[in-house]
Amino acid sequence: MTDAELKGIIKEAVEDYRTGNAVYYSKEEAFALMDAHIAKKRANNTLPPQSQ
């Protein structure tokens, strides 16, 4: 799954400002957290590089 596909799925999930652990996240916050998570995974080599 590419980052773009993942973002598409996450975008649908946060479209109506989903909650996580009783904390409300805006779309921007949700995307920032997701991007940080993807970057961390890639840095730890637990997520393979995106193939084009």
N, C-alpha and C. Protein backbone atom coordinates (compact mmCIF):
# COMPACT_ATOMS: atom_id res chain seq x y z
N MET A 1 0.85 -1.19 0.00
CA MET A 1 0.00 0.00 0.00
C MET A 1 0.89 1.24 0.00
N THR A 2 0.60 2.16 -0.86
CA THR A 2 1.40 3.38 -0.94
C THR A 2 0.91 4.41 0.07
N ASP A 3 1.74 5.41 0.34
CA ASP A 3 1.34 6.47 1.25
C ASP A 3 0.07 7.16 0.75
N ALA A 4 -0.03 7.33 -0.58
CA ALA A 4 -1.20 8.00 -1.16
C ALA A 4 -2.46 7.19 -0.88
N GLU A 5 -2.38 5.87 -1.03
CA GLU A 5 -3.53 5.02 -0.75
C GLU A 5 -3.89 5.08 0.73
N LEU A 6 -2.86 5.05 1.58
CA LEU A 6 -3.08 5.12 3.02
C LEU A 6 -3.74 6.44 3.39
N LYS A 7 -3.25 7.52 2.81
CA LYS A 7 -3.83 8.84 3.09
C LYS A 7 -5.28 8.91 2.64
N GLY A 8 -5.61 8.25 1.53
CA GLY A 8 -6.99 8.23 1.06
C GLY A 8 -7.90 7.56 2.07
N ILE A 9 -7.42 6.45 2.63
CA ILE A 9 -8.21 5.73 3.63
C ILE A 9 -8.35 6.56 4.90
N ILE A 10 -7.23 7.15 5.35
CA ILE A 10 -7.26 7.96 6.56
C ILE A 10 -8.14 9.19 6.36
N LYS A 11 -8.08 9.79 5.17
CA LYS A 11 -8.89 10.98 4.89
C LYS A 11 -10.37 10.66 5.08
N GLU A 12 -10.79 9.49 4.58
CA GLU A 12 -12.19 9.10 4.75
C GLU A 12 -12.51 8.90 6.23
N ALA A 13 -11.57 8.30 6.95
CA ALA A 13 -11.81 8.02 8.37
C ALA A 13 -11.91 9.29 9.22
N VAL A 14 -11.14 10.33 8.86
CA VAL A 14 -11.14 11.55 9.66
C VAL A 14 -12.04 12.63 9.07
N GLU A 15 -12.77 12.28 8.03
CA GLU A 15 -13.59 13.28 7.33
C GLU A 15 -14.52 14.01 8.29
N ASP A 16 -15.07 13.27 9.25
CA ASP A 16 -15.99 13.89 10.20
C ASP A 16 -15.35 14.04 11.58
N TYR A 17 -14.03 14.31 11.60
CA TYR A 17 -13.31 14.56 12.85
C TYR A 17 -13.48 13.43 13.85
N ARG A 18 -12.88 12.31 13.53
CA ARG A 18 -12.95 11.13 14.39
C ARG A 18 -12.23 11.42 15.71
N THR A 19 -12.56 10.61 16.73
CA THR A 19 -11.88 10.77 18.02
C THR A 19 -10.97 9.58 18.26
N GLY A 20 -9.92 9.82 19.01
CA GLY A 20 -9.00 8.76 19.39
C GLY A 20 -8.59 8.99 20.83
N ASN A 21 -8.83 8.02 21.70
CA ASN A 21 -8.51 8.15 23.13
C ASN A 21 -9.19 9.39 23.72
N ALA A 22 -10.42 9.64 23.31
CA ALA A 22 -11.23 10.74 23.83
C ALA A 22 -10.63 12.12 23.53
N VAL A 23 -9.69 12.19 22.58
CA VAL A 23 -9.10 13.47 22.19
C VAL A 23 -9.55 13.77 20.77
N TYR A 24 -10.07 14.96 20.56
CA TYR A 24 -10.52 15.33 19.22
C TYR A 24 -9.36 15.86 18.40
N TYR A 25 -9.23 15.33 17.19
CA TYR A 25 -8.18 15.79 16.28
C TYR A 25 -8.82 16.46 15.08
N SER A 26 -8.24 17.57 14.67
CA SER A 26 -8.69 18.17 13.42
C SER A 26 -8.08 17.35 12.29
N LYS A 27 -8.55 17.56 11.07
CA LYS A 27 -7.98 16.84 9.93
C LYS A 27 -6.48 17.11 9.84
N GLU A 28 -6.09 18.37 10.02
CA GLU A 28 -4.67 18.74 9.91
C GLU A 28 -3.84 18.00 10.95
N GLU A 29 -4.34 17.93 12.18
CA GLU A 29 -3.61 17.22 13.24
C GLU A 29 -3.52 15.73 12.93
N ALA A 30 -4.61 15.17 12.43
CA ALA A 30 -4.62 13.75 12.10
C ALA A 30 -3.60 13.44 11.01
N PHE A 31 -3.54 14.29 9.98
CA PHE A 31 -2.58 14.07 8.89
C PHE A 31 -1.15 14.25 9.40
N ALA A 32 -0.92 15.23 10.28
CA ALA A 32 0.43 15.46 10.82
C ALA A 32 0.88 14.25 11.63
N LEU A 33 -0.02 13.71 12.46
CA LEU A 33 0.31 12.53 13.25
C LEU A 33 0.59 11.34 12.36
N MET A 34 -0.21 11.17 11.32
CA MET A 34 -0.03 10.05 10.39
C MET A 34 1.31 10.18 9.66
N ASP A 35 1.62 11.39 9.18
CA ASP A 35 2.88 11.61 8.47
C ASP A 35 4.07 11.31 9.38
N ALA A 36 3.98 11.74 10.65
CA ALA A 36 5.06 11.48 11.60
C ALA A 36 5.20 9.98 11.84
N HIS A 37 4.07 9.29 11.93
CA HIS A 37 4.09 7.84 12.15
C HIS A 37 4.74 7.13 10.96
N ILE A 38 4.38 7.53 9.75
CA ILE A 38 4.95 6.92 8.54
C ILE A 38 6.46 7.20 8.49
N ALA A 39 6.86 8.43 8.79
CA ALA A 39 8.28 8.78 8.77
C ALA A 39 9.05 7.96 9.80
N LYS A 40 8.46 7.78 10.98
CA LYS A 40 9.12 7.01 12.04
C LYS A 40 9.26 5.55 11.62
N LYS A 41 8.19 4.98 11.04
CA LYS A 41 8.23 3.60 10.58
C LYS A 41 9.32 3.42 9.52
N ARG A 42 9.36 4.36 8.58
CA ARG A 42 10.34 4.27 7.49
C ARG A 42 11.76 4.41 8.05
N ALA A 43 11.93 5.29 9.04
CA ALA A 43 13.25 5.49 9.66
C ALA A 43 13.70 4.21 10.37
N ASN A 44 12.74 3.50 10.94
CA ASN A 44 13.05 2.25 11.64
C ASN A 44 13.10 1.06 10.71
N ASN A 45 12.95 1.33 9.41
CA ASN A 45 12.97 0.27 8.38
C ASN A 45 11.90 -0.80 8.60
N THR A 46 10.78 -0.41 9.20
CA THR A 46 9.69 -1.37 9.37
C THR A 46 8.63 -1.17 8.30
N LEU A 47 8.81 -0.13 7.50
CA LEU A 47 7.89 0.11 6.39
C LEU A 47 8.74 0.18 5.12
N PRO A 48 8.47 -0.68 4.15
CA PRO A 48 9.31 -0.68 2.94
C PRO A 48 9.17 0.62 2.16
N PRO A 49 10.21 1.01 1.43
CA PRO A 49 10.13 2.22 0.62
C PRO A 49 9.00 2.10 -0.40
N GLN A 50 8.40 3.22 -0.71
CA GLN A 50 7.29 3.23 -1.66
C GLN A 50 7.82 2.93 -3.06
N SER A 51 7.20 1.97 -3.72
CA SER A 51 7.61 1.65 -5.09
C SER A 51 6.79 2.47 -6.07
N GLN A 52 7.43 2.93 -7.11
CA GLN A 52 6.72 3.76 -8.10
C GLN A 52 6.25 2.91 -9.26
